[in-house]
N, C-alpha and C. Protein backbone atom coordinates (compact mmCIF):
# COMPACT_ATOMS: atom_id res chain seq x y z
N MET A 1 0.77 -1.34 -0.07
CA MET A 1 -0.06 0.14 -0.04
C MET A 1 0.80 1.19 0.01
N LEU A 2 1.84 1.35 0.83
CA LEU A 2 2.67 2.36 0.98
C LEU A 2 3.49 2.77 -0.47
N VAL A 3 3.95 1.86 -0.93
CA VAL A 3 4.53 1.80 -2.27
C VAL A 3 3.59 2.31 -3.18
N ARG A 4 2.53 1.76 -3.42
CA ARG A 4 1.52 2.42 -4.40
C ARG A 4 1.21 3.71 -4.01
N THR A 5 1.01 4.17 -2.76
CA THR A 5 0.83 5.58 -2.47
C THR A 5 2.00 6.34 -2.87
N LYS A 6 3.06 6.06 -2.64
CA LYS A 6 4.25 6.84 -2.99
C LYS A 6 4.25 6.91 -4.54
N ARG A 7 4.26 5.90 -5.26
CA ARG A 7 4.26 6.04 -6.67
C ARG A 7 3.25 6.80 -7.38
N CYS A 8 2.06 6.89 -6.59
CA CYS A 8 0.84 7.46 -7.29
C CYS A 8 1.17 8.99 -7.03
N ASN A 9 1.94 9.30 -5.95
CA ASN A 9 2.15 10.71 -5.65
C ASN A 9 3.23 11.34 -6.27
N THR A 10 3.98 10.47 -7.32
CA THR A 10 5.04 10.95 -8.31
C THR A 10 4.23 11.22 -9.58
N VAL A 11 3.15 11.04 -9.71
CA VAL A 11 2.44 11.03 -11.02
C VAL A 11 2.16 12.68 -11.30
N GLU A 12 2.53 13.02 -12.52
CA GLU A 12 2.35 14.41 -13.01
C GLU A 12 1.48 14.67 -14.03
N THR A 13 0.69 15.83 -14.14
CA THR A 13 -0.32 15.94 -15.03
C THR A 13 0.30 15.83 -16.56
N GLY A 14 -0.51 14.92 -17.18
CA GLY A 14 -0.04 14.72 -18.54
C GLY A 14 0.43 13.30 -18.77
N ASN A 15 0.93 12.61 -17.56
CA ASN A 15 1.54 11.27 -17.54
C ASN A 15 0.64 10.34 -18.34
N HIS A 16 1.05 9.35 -18.98
CA HIS A 16 0.68 8.26 -19.65
C HIS A 16 1.30 7.09 -19.09
N ILE A 17 0.70 6.27 -18.00
CA ILE A 17 1.22 5.20 -17.38
C ILE A 17 0.66 3.93 -17.62
N ALA A 18 1.39 2.91 -17.51
CA ALA A 18 1.06 1.63 -17.62
C ALA A 18 1.33 0.89 -16.33
N VAL A 19 0.49 0.05 -15.81
CA VAL A 19 0.55 -0.69 -14.70
C VAL A 19 0.11 -2.17 -14.68
N VAL A 20 0.88 -3.08 -14.12
CA VAL A 20 0.71 -4.46 -14.25
C VAL A 20 0.18 -4.79 -12.83
N HIS A 21 -1.15 -5.54 -12.62
CA HIS A 21 -1.46 -6.09 -11.47
C HIS A 21 -1.77 -7.65 -11.45
N SER A 22 -1.48 -8.14 -10.23
CA SER A 22 -1.69 -9.60 -10.20
C SER A 22 -3.13 -10.10 -9.96
N ASP A 23 -4.03 -9.09 -9.51
CA ASP A 23 -5.40 -9.39 -9.18
C ASP A 23 -6.19 -8.11 -9.05
N LYS A 24 -7.44 -8.36 -9.22
CA LYS A 24 -8.40 -7.22 -9.36
C LYS A 24 -8.40 -6.40 -7.87
N GLU A 25 -8.20 -6.83 -6.70
CA GLU A 25 -8.33 -6.23 -5.64
C GLU A 25 -7.18 -5.06 -5.64
N GLU A 26 -6.03 -5.66 -5.93
CA GLU A 26 -4.82 -4.81 -6.06
C GLU A 26 -4.94 -3.58 -6.91
N GLU A 27 -5.58 -4.11 -8.18
CA GLU A 27 -6.00 -3.02 -9.18
C GLU A 27 -6.68 -1.82 -8.73
N LEU A 28 -7.78 -2.34 -7.98
CA LEU A 28 -8.80 -1.22 -7.64
C LEU A 28 -8.14 -0.39 -6.47
N GLU A 29 -7.39 -0.99 -5.67
CA GLU A 29 -6.70 -0.09 -4.69
C GLU A 29 -5.57 0.81 -5.27
N GLU A 30 -5.02 0.52 -6.57
CA GLU A 30 -4.31 1.48 -7.19
C GLU A 30 -5.03 2.44 -7.93
N ALA A 31 -6.24 2.12 -8.42
CA ALA A 31 -7.08 3.10 -8.94
C ALA A 31 -7.37 4.19 -8.10
N PHE A 32 -7.79 3.72 -6.69
CA PHE A 32 -8.04 4.77 -5.79
C PHE A 32 -6.91 5.63 -5.32
N GLU A 33 -5.69 4.79 -5.04
CA GLU A 33 -4.43 5.69 -4.93
C GLU A 33 -4.13 6.82 -5.91
N PHE A 34 -4.49 6.33 -7.27
CA PHE A 34 -4.21 7.25 -8.28
C PHE A 34 -5.13 8.37 -8.45
N LEU A 35 -6.47 7.97 -8.20
CA LEU A 35 -7.52 8.94 -8.42
C LEU A 35 -7.74 9.98 -7.46
N LYS A 36 -7.60 9.51 -6.30
CA LYS A 36 -7.72 10.55 -5.01
C LYS A 36 -6.98 11.87 -5.20
N PRO A 37 -5.78 11.84 -5.55
CA PRO A 37 -5.21 13.17 -5.80
C PRO A 37 -5.70 14.02 -7.01
N GLY A 38 -6.45 13.24 -7.75
CA GLY A 38 -7.14 14.05 -8.72
C GLY A 38 -8.23 14.98 -8.19
N LEU A 39 -9.04 14.45 -7.22
CA LEU A 39 -9.92 15.18 -6.71
C LEU A 39 -9.33 16.44 -5.67
N GLU A 40 -8.34 16.11 -5.20
CA GLU A 40 -7.44 17.23 -4.41
C GLU A 40 -7.07 18.20 -5.58
N LYS A 41 -6.68 17.88 -6.76
CA LYS A 41 -6.18 18.95 -7.52
C LYS A 41 -7.36 19.53 -8.45
N ASN A 42 -8.35 19.31 -7.89
CA ASN A 42 -9.54 19.90 -8.68
C ASN A 42 -9.71 19.20 -10.08
N GLU A 43 -9.62 18.01 -10.41
CA GLU A 43 -9.68 17.27 -11.68
C GLU A 43 -10.87 16.60 -11.58
N ILE A 44 -11.29 16.22 -13.03
CA ILE A 44 -12.58 15.39 -12.96
C ILE A 44 -11.71 14.03 -12.93
N ILE A 45 -12.32 12.90 -12.23
CA ILE A 45 -11.88 11.80 -12.17
C ILE A 45 -12.65 10.66 -12.93
N MET A 46 -12.16 9.62 -13.57
CA MET A 46 -12.89 8.79 -14.17
C MET A 46 -12.31 7.33 -14.10
N LEU A 47 -13.04 6.41 -13.70
CA LEU A 47 -12.78 5.02 -13.68
C LEU A 47 -13.44 4.18 -14.65
N ILE A 48 -12.58 3.35 -15.50
CA ILE A 48 -13.13 2.57 -16.37
C ILE A 48 -12.82 1.06 -16.01
N THR A 49 -13.83 0.27 -15.61
CA THR A 49 -13.50 -1.19 -15.24
C THR A 49 -14.76 -1.90 -15.42
N ASP A 50 -14.61 -3.39 -15.40
CA ASP A 50 -15.76 -4.46 -15.44
C ASP A 50 -15.61 -5.01 -14.24
N ASP A 51 -14.50 -4.85 -13.45
CA ASP A 51 -14.35 -6.08 -12.47
C ASP A 51 -15.37 -5.57 -11.14
N TYR A 52 -15.77 -4.43 -11.16
CA TYR A 52 -16.74 -4.13 -9.95
C TYR A 52 -17.96 -3.42 -10.54
N SER A 53 -19.13 -3.50 -9.90
CA SER A 53 -20.23 -2.73 -10.45
C SER A 53 -20.01 -1.26 -10.01
N LYS A 54 -20.87 -0.59 -10.63
CA LYS A 54 -20.91 0.94 -10.37
C LYS A 54 -21.21 1.35 -9.02
N ASP A 55 -22.19 0.41 -8.40
CA ASP A 55 -22.63 0.83 -7.15
C ASP A 55 -21.47 0.19 -6.12
N GLU A 56 -20.93 -0.68 -6.35
CA GLU A 56 -19.74 -1.04 -5.48
C GLU A 56 -18.64 0.00 -5.54
N ILE A 57 -18.37 0.54 -6.61
CA ILE A 57 -17.47 1.48 -6.78
C ILE A 57 -17.81 2.69 -5.92
N ARG A 58 -19.09 3.30 -6.13
CA ARG A 58 -19.79 4.29 -5.50
C ARG A 58 -19.45 4.17 -3.89
N LYS A 59 -19.99 2.97 -3.57
CA LYS A 59 -19.88 2.70 -2.20
C LYS A 59 -18.31 2.74 -1.54
N LYS A 60 -17.69 2.27 -2.39
CA LYS A 60 -16.07 2.20 -1.79
C LYS A 60 -15.58 3.75 -1.75
N ILE A 61 -16.03 4.69 -2.71
CA ILE A 61 -15.51 5.75 -2.72
C ILE A 61 -16.20 6.73 -1.51
N ASN A 62 -17.52 6.43 -1.39
CA ASN A 62 -18.12 7.15 -0.27
C ASN A 62 -17.35 6.74 1.19
N THR A 63 -17.09 5.41 1.27
CA THR A 63 -16.39 4.99 2.62
C THR A 63 -14.94 5.25 2.53
N LYS A 64 -14.23 5.23 1.42
CA LYS A 64 -12.89 5.15 1.74
C LYS A 64 -12.32 6.88 1.54
N TRP A 65 -13.05 7.61 0.82
CA TRP A 65 -12.72 8.96 0.85
C TRP A 65 -13.79 9.88 1.62
N ASN A 66 -14.66 9.34 2.05
CA ASN A 66 -15.70 10.17 2.97
C ASN A 66 -16.13 11.24 1.94
N VAL A 67 -16.50 10.94 0.87
CA VAL A 67 -17.30 12.09 0.03
C VAL A 67 -18.64 11.50 -0.52
N ASP A 68 -19.35 12.12 -1.12
CA ASP A 68 -20.68 11.55 -1.87
C ASP A 68 -20.47 11.27 -3.24
N ALA A 69 -20.22 10.17 -3.51
CA ALA A 69 -19.92 9.80 -4.92
C ALA A 69 -21.08 10.03 -5.90
N ASP A 70 -22.30 9.93 -5.56
CA ASP A 70 -23.48 10.39 -6.14
C ASP A 70 -23.53 11.69 -6.59
N ALA A 71 -23.08 12.61 -5.70
CA ALA A 71 -23.05 14.27 -6.01
C ALA A 71 -22.08 14.46 -6.93
N LEU A 72 -20.79 13.90 -6.66
CA LEU A 72 -19.55 14.01 -7.82
C LEU A 72 -20.18 13.54 -9.08
N GLU A 73 -20.89 12.58 -9.16
CA GLU A 73 -21.24 12.07 -10.57
C GLU A 73 -22.28 12.96 -11.23
N ARG A 74 -23.32 13.44 -10.39
CA ARG A 74 -24.33 14.45 -10.80
C ARG A 74 -23.64 15.51 -11.24
N ASN A 75 -22.66 16.18 -10.77
CA ASN A 75 -22.08 17.46 -11.05
C ASN A 75 -21.03 17.13 -12.22
N GLY A 76 -20.86 15.79 -12.50
CA GLY A 76 -19.82 15.74 -13.64
C GLY A 76 -18.35 15.42 -13.16
N TYR A 77 -18.17 15.39 -12.01
CA TYR A 77 -16.85 15.35 -11.48
C TYR A 77 -16.24 14.01 -11.26
N LEU A 78 -17.07 13.00 -11.36
CA LEU A 78 -16.75 11.50 -11.39
C LEU A 78 -17.51 10.82 -12.37
N ILE A 79 -16.79 10.03 -13.27
CA ILE A 79 -17.32 9.37 -14.35
C ILE A 79 -16.93 7.87 -14.11
N ILE A 80 -17.93 7.09 -14.06
CA ILE A 80 -17.73 5.59 -14.03
C ILE A 80 -18.29 4.96 -15.10
N ARG A 81 -17.46 4.22 -15.91
CA ARG A 81 -17.98 3.44 -16.99
C ARG A 81 -17.31 2.17 -16.93
N THR A 82 -17.98 1.12 -17.66
CA THR A 82 -17.54 -0.14 -17.92
C THR A 82 -16.62 -0.08 -19.24
N THR A 83 -15.69 -0.97 -19.27
CA THR A 83 -14.71 -0.96 -20.52
C THR A 83 -15.66 -0.92 -21.84
N GLN A 84 -16.59 -1.94 -21.91
CA GLN A 84 -17.40 -1.94 -23.24
C GLN A 84 -18.06 -0.57 -23.35
N GLU A 85 -18.88 0.16 -22.30
CA GLU A 85 -19.56 1.50 -22.46
C GLU A 85 -18.47 2.35 -22.99
N TRP A 86 -17.30 2.43 -22.55
CA TRP A 86 -16.37 3.57 -22.91
C TRP A 86 -15.60 3.26 -24.43
N TYR A 87 -15.09 2.11 -24.50
CA TYR A 87 -14.12 1.59 -25.50
C TYR A 87 -14.78 1.00 -26.66
N PHE A 88 -15.99 0.28 -26.64
CA PHE A 88 -16.51 -0.50 -27.72
C PHE A 88 -17.90 -0.61 -27.52
N PRO A 89 -18.76 0.41 -27.43
CA PRO A 89 -20.15 0.36 -27.25
C PRO A 89 -20.87 -0.16 -28.57
N TYR A 90 -20.32 0.00 -29.68
CA TYR A 90 -20.97 -0.26 -30.78
C TYR A 90 -20.16 -1.45 -31.55
N GLY A 91 -19.57 -2.37 -30.75
CA GLY A 91 -18.86 -3.41 -31.19
C GLY A 91 -17.33 -3.36 -31.40
N LEU A 92 -16.83 -3.59 -32.43
CA LEU A 92 -15.38 -3.76 -32.79
C LEU A 92 -14.77 -2.35 -32.57
N PRO A 93 -13.60 -2.08 -31.68
CA PRO A 93 -13.11 -0.75 -31.41
C PRO A 93 -12.28 -0.48 -32.51
N SER A 94 -12.22 0.84 -32.91
CA SER A 94 -11.23 1.37 -33.81
C SER A 94 -10.60 2.45 -33.32
N VAL A 95 -9.28 2.69 -33.57
CA VAL A 95 -8.41 3.73 -33.32
C VAL A 95 -8.86 5.05 -33.34
N HIS A 96 -9.56 5.25 -34.44
CA HIS A 96 -10.22 6.61 -34.82
C HIS A 96 -11.39 6.71 -33.87
N LYS A 97 -12.20 5.83 -33.61
CA LYS A 97 -13.34 6.05 -32.62
C LYS A 97 -12.72 6.25 -31.26
N LEU A 98 -11.88 5.50 -30.92
CA LEU A 98 -11.08 5.57 -29.41
C LEU A 98 -10.74 6.92 -29.14
N ASN A 99 -9.78 7.36 -30.29
CA ASN A 99 -9.34 8.59 -30.13
C ASN A 99 -10.19 9.87 -30.11
N THR A 100 -11.20 9.75 -31.04
CA THR A 100 -12.12 10.75 -30.99
C THR A 100 -12.94 10.89 -29.68
N VAL A 101 -13.26 9.73 -29.03
CA VAL A 101 -13.85 9.89 -27.69
C VAL A 101 -12.94 10.63 -26.65
N TRP A 102 -11.61 10.16 -26.64
CA TRP A 102 -10.59 11.12 -25.86
C TRP A 102 -10.68 12.42 -26.13
N ILE A 103 -10.51 12.87 -27.40
CA ILE A 103 -10.33 14.35 -27.91
C ILE A 103 -11.69 15.02 -27.48
N SER A 104 -12.81 14.32 -27.39
CA SER A 104 -14.11 14.94 -26.89
C SER A 104 -14.06 15.52 -25.34
N MET A 105 -13.09 14.75 -24.92
CA MET A 105 -12.96 15.16 -23.47
C MET A 105 -12.10 16.30 -23.07
N ILE A 106 -11.24 16.77 -24.03
CA ILE A 106 -10.35 17.93 -23.84
C ILE A 106 -10.96 19.13 -23.36
N ASP A 107 -12.11 19.44 -23.79
CA ASP A 107 -12.71 20.75 -23.20
C ASP A 107 -13.49 20.56 -22.01
N TYR A 108 -14.03 19.32 -21.73
CA TYR A 108 -14.82 18.93 -20.49
C TYR A 108 -14.39 19.57 -19.30
N PRO A 109 -13.14 19.53 -18.89
CA PRO A 109 -12.57 20.04 -17.67
C PRO A 109 -12.93 21.67 -17.65
N HIS A 110 -12.68 22.38 -18.84
CA HIS A 110 -12.84 23.80 -18.87
C HIS A 110 -14.39 24.06 -18.71
N ILE A 111 -15.35 23.37 -19.11
CA ILE A 111 -16.71 23.34 -19.21
C ILE A 111 -17.24 23.45 -17.52
N LYS A 112 -16.70 22.30 -16.93
CA LYS A 112 -16.88 22.11 -15.65
C LYS A 112 -16.03 22.82 -14.60
N ARG A 113 -15.32 23.85 -15.14
CA ARG A 113 -14.23 24.53 -14.36
C ARG A 113 -13.54 23.69 -13.41
N LYS A 114 -12.86 22.81 -14.02
CA LYS A 114 -11.83 21.79 -13.54
C LYS A 114 -10.49 22.04 -14.17
N ASN A 115 -9.46 21.46 -13.45
CA ASN A 115 -7.96 21.57 -13.99
C ASN A 115 -7.71 20.74 -14.92
N GLY A 116 -8.38 19.56 -15.16
CA GLY A 116 -8.10 18.44 -16.10
C GLY A 116 -8.69 17.38 -15.66
N VAL A 117 -8.46 16.22 -16.44
CA VAL A 117 -9.11 14.90 -16.27
C VAL A 117 -7.93 13.90 -16.02
N ARG A 118 -8.29 12.97 -14.99
CA ARG A 118 -7.41 12.03 -14.38
C ARG A 118 -8.27 10.66 -14.76
N VAL A 119 -7.63 9.49 -15.38
CA VAL A 119 -8.48 8.36 -15.70
C VAL A 119 -7.55 7.22 -15.44
N PHE A 120 -8.32 6.24 -14.86
CA PHE A 120 -7.80 4.90 -14.59
C PHE A 120 -8.65 4.05 -15.38
N THR A 121 -8.02 3.22 -16.36
CA THR A 121 -8.80 2.47 -16.99
C THR A 121 -8.20 0.76 -17.04
N ASP A 122 -9.08 0.09 -16.81
CA ASP A 122 -8.77 -1.53 -16.81
C ASP A 122 -8.83 -1.97 -18.32
N MET A 123 -7.60 -2.38 -18.66
CA MET A 123 -7.49 -2.92 -20.20
C MET A 123 -7.94 -4.35 -20.53
N SER A 124 -8.40 -5.04 -19.39
CA SER A 124 -8.67 -6.53 -19.42
C SER A 124 -9.68 -7.06 -20.38
N ALA A 125 -10.57 -5.99 -20.70
CA ALA A 125 -11.62 -6.52 -21.54
C ALA A 125 -11.36 -6.52 -23.00
N PHE A 126 -10.37 -5.76 -23.34
CA PHE A 126 -9.77 -5.94 -24.54
C PHE A 126 -9.22 -7.31 -24.89
N PHE A 127 -8.63 -7.96 -23.94
CA PHE A 127 -8.16 -9.44 -23.98
C PHE A 127 -9.39 -10.46 -23.86
N ARG A 128 -10.37 -10.15 -23.13
CA ARG A 128 -11.35 -11.01 -22.89
C ARG A 128 -12.29 -11.17 -24.23
N TYR A 129 -12.40 -9.97 -25.01
CA TYR A 129 -13.22 -9.94 -26.03
C TYR A 129 -12.63 -10.11 -27.35
N GLY A 130 -11.24 -10.34 -27.16
CA GLY A 130 -10.41 -10.85 -28.55
C GLY A 130 -9.99 -9.53 -29.20
N PHE A 131 -9.91 -8.20 -28.56
CA PHE A 131 -9.48 -7.06 -29.27
C PHE A 131 -8.14 -6.67 -28.97
N VAL A 132 -7.16 -7.59 -28.81
CA VAL A 132 -5.88 -7.41 -28.41
C VAL A 132 -5.11 -6.64 -29.48
N ARG A 133 -5.30 -6.91 -30.77
CA ARG A 133 -5.01 -6.26 -32.03
C ARG A 133 -5.18 -4.84 -31.82
N GLU A 134 -6.39 -4.56 -31.70
CA GLU A 134 -7.01 -3.16 -31.66
C GLU A 134 -6.43 -2.55 -30.51
N LEU A 135 -6.28 -3.18 -29.29
CA LEU A 135 -5.61 -2.40 -28.13
C LEU A 135 -4.13 -1.97 -28.41
N LEU A 136 -3.39 -2.80 -29.10
CA LEU A 136 -2.08 -2.42 -29.44
C LEU A 136 -1.91 -1.34 -30.34
N LEU A 137 -2.64 -1.53 -31.33
CA LEU A 137 -2.89 -0.22 -32.42
C LEU A 137 -3.29 0.96 -31.62
N TYR A 138 -4.26 0.96 -30.69
CA TYR A 138 -4.53 2.07 -30.14
C TYR A 138 -3.61 2.60 -29.41
N GLU A 139 -2.95 1.75 -28.24
CA GLU A 139 -1.93 2.25 -27.33
C GLU A 139 -0.78 2.90 -28.19
N SER A 140 -0.43 2.39 -29.56
CA SER A 140 0.56 2.92 -30.24
C SER A 140 0.33 4.36 -30.91
N THR A 141 -0.85 4.56 -30.81
CA THR A 141 -1.14 6.13 -31.28
C THR A 141 -1.09 7.13 -30.03
N LEU A 142 -0.92 6.66 -28.83
CA LEU A 142 -0.81 7.59 -27.56
C LEU A 142 0.46 7.95 -27.33
N GLU A 143 0.62 9.28 -27.02
CA GLU A 143 1.92 9.79 -26.49
C GLU A 143 2.24 9.41 -25.08
N LYS A 144 3.46 9.42 -24.71
CA LYS A 144 4.06 8.99 -23.43
C LYS A 144 3.55 10.06 -22.57
N GLN A 145 3.51 11.31 -22.93
CA GLN A 145 3.36 12.56 -22.33
C GLN A 145 2.27 13.51 -23.01
N PHE A 146 0.99 13.77 -22.34
CA PHE A 146 0.00 14.49 -23.17
C PHE A 146 0.45 16.04 -22.86
N ASP A 147 0.39 16.81 -23.66
CA ASP A 147 0.68 18.29 -23.79
C ASP A 147 -0.77 18.99 -23.34
N PHE A 148 -1.74 18.27 -22.74
CA PHE A 148 -3.00 18.93 -22.19
C PHE A 148 -3.14 18.12 -20.92
N PRO A 149 -4.20 18.95 -20.05
CA PRO A 149 -4.20 18.35 -18.54
C PRO A 149 -5.08 17.14 -18.52
N PHE A 150 -4.33 15.92 -19.13
CA PHE A 150 -4.91 14.53 -19.34
C PHE A 150 -4.06 13.73 -18.81
N THR A 151 -4.36 13.02 -17.53
CA THR A 151 -3.57 11.86 -17.14
C THR A 151 -4.04 10.61 -17.07
N LEU A 152 -3.43 9.66 -17.69
CA LEU A 152 -4.07 8.32 -17.80
C LEU A 152 -3.20 7.27 -17.38
N MET A 153 -3.72 6.25 -16.49
CA MET A 153 -3.19 5.15 -16.01
C MET A 153 -3.95 3.92 -16.63
N CYS A 154 -3.32 3.11 -17.67
CA CYS A 154 -3.71 1.99 -18.23
C CYS A 154 -3.41 0.75 -17.41
N ALA A 155 -4.26 0.13 -16.88
CA ALA A 155 -4.03 -1.07 -15.88
C ALA A 155 -4.17 -2.45 -16.70
N TYR A 156 -3.22 -3.28 -16.61
CA TYR A 156 -3.19 -4.54 -17.24
C TYR A 156 -3.08 -5.44 -16.15
N LYS A 157 -3.92 -6.61 -16.25
CA LYS A 157 -3.82 -8.01 -15.44
C LYS A 157 -2.54 -8.71 -15.90
N SER A 158 -1.64 -9.19 -15.04
CA SER A 158 -0.53 -9.89 -15.25
C SER A 158 -0.77 -11.14 -16.18
N GLU A 159 -1.87 -11.65 -16.07
CA GLU A 159 -2.02 -12.91 -16.77
C GLU A 159 -2.32 -12.48 -18.27
N ASP A 160 -2.92 -11.30 -18.48
CA ASP A 160 -3.22 -10.76 -19.94
C ASP A 160 -1.77 -10.19 -20.51
N PHE A 161 -1.03 -9.49 -19.60
CA PHE A 161 0.05 -8.87 -20.12
C PHE A 161 1.14 -9.91 -20.64
N GLU A 162 1.30 -11.06 -19.69
CA GLU A 162 2.29 -12.16 -20.21
C GLU A 162 1.74 -13.06 -21.48
N THR A 163 0.50 -12.86 -21.89
CA THR A 163 0.22 -13.35 -23.16
C THR A 163 0.85 -12.72 -24.44
N LEU A 164 1.20 -11.31 -24.34
CA LEU A 164 1.78 -10.53 -25.26
C LEU A 164 3.30 -11.26 -25.55
N SER A 165 3.53 -10.91 -26.71
CA SER A 165 4.89 -11.33 -27.14
C SER A 165 5.93 -10.21 -26.60
N GLN A 166 7.14 -10.65 -26.59
CA GLN A 166 8.22 -9.47 -25.95
C GLN A 166 7.90 -8.37 -26.80
N LYS A 167 7.96 -8.34 -28.04
CA LYS A 167 7.92 -7.17 -28.96
C LYS A 167 6.63 -6.36 -28.64
N GLN A 168 5.54 -7.04 -28.29
CA GLN A 168 4.35 -6.44 -28.11
C GLN A 168 4.42 -5.54 -26.73
N GLN A 169 5.07 -6.25 -25.58
CA GLN A 169 5.27 -5.90 -24.45
C GLN A 169 6.16 -4.36 -24.48
N ASN A 170 7.32 -4.54 -25.37
CA ASN A 170 8.08 -3.55 -25.36
C ASN A 170 7.41 -2.24 -26.23
N MET A 171 6.43 -2.57 -27.25
CA MET A 171 5.65 -1.69 -27.66
C MET A 171 4.84 -0.87 -26.74
N LEU A 172 4.24 -1.46 -25.81
CA LEU A 172 3.36 -0.92 -24.79
C LEU A 172 4.15 -0.17 -23.82
N ILE A 173 5.46 -0.70 -23.53
CA ILE A 173 6.22 0.10 -22.54
C ILE A 173 6.61 1.57 -23.34
N GLY A 174 6.90 1.30 -24.47
CA GLY A 174 7.45 2.33 -25.20
C GLY A 174 6.43 3.58 -25.39
N HIS A 175 5.12 3.33 -25.33
CA HIS A 175 4.31 4.19 -25.35
C HIS A 175 3.66 4.75 -24.11
N HIS A 176 4.36 4.51 -22.96
CA HIS A 176 3.93 4.90 -21.78
C HIS A 176 5.17 5.75 -21.09
N HIS A 177 4.75 6.55 -20.29
CA HIS A 177 5.77 7.61 -19.62
C HIS A 177 6.35 6.74 -18.46
N LEU A 178 5.75 5.93 -17.73
CA LEU A 178 6.13 5.11 -16.75
C LEU A 178 5.56 3.85 -16.79
N MET A 179 6.29 2.58 -16.48
CA MET A 179 5.61 1.26 -16.47
C MET A 179 5.85 0.63 -15.13
N TRP A 180 4.87 0.44 -14.30
CA TRP A 180 4.96 -0.18 -13.00
C TRP A 180 4.39 -1.59 -13.06
N LYS A 181 5.25 -2.56 -12.38
CA LYS A 181 4.90 -3.97 -12.25
C LYS A 181 4.66 -4.08 -10.73
């Protein structure tokens, strides 16, 4: 826990980070450690995962952070989505569609009078649905460091990451500012 907290505190606005976890509980703890400073920095926070229901996430936010998750959502300061809802709501994901969705988020913090967007996203659904090729292509289009107030942590399950060839793993590492295992 302390190591996670320390490393999450080193994250700077604009970082594109990859992290590999051994299980979903560890992943969710990292998500909370990463997202909490976003609230403190007046950023919109977003959690994309299929591992927990939205109600479970809201309840954990209420308890762990002592805030009203429902109010944060109503005000547009907290966004909780499943991977399918965000990345492939209409079937096969495409790089163009995925990047268009993120580009649409660039002005959102300004509209909400926030300082930026901080996103934690679980990438395991890409593996589960057989969209690994699309995931690799998508990740290869993203910068290591964004030049606008957007901070992204891509979470990989170790069993998924290990299915990738060394070349694919190196490509992912090369397109992230930091890689934590």
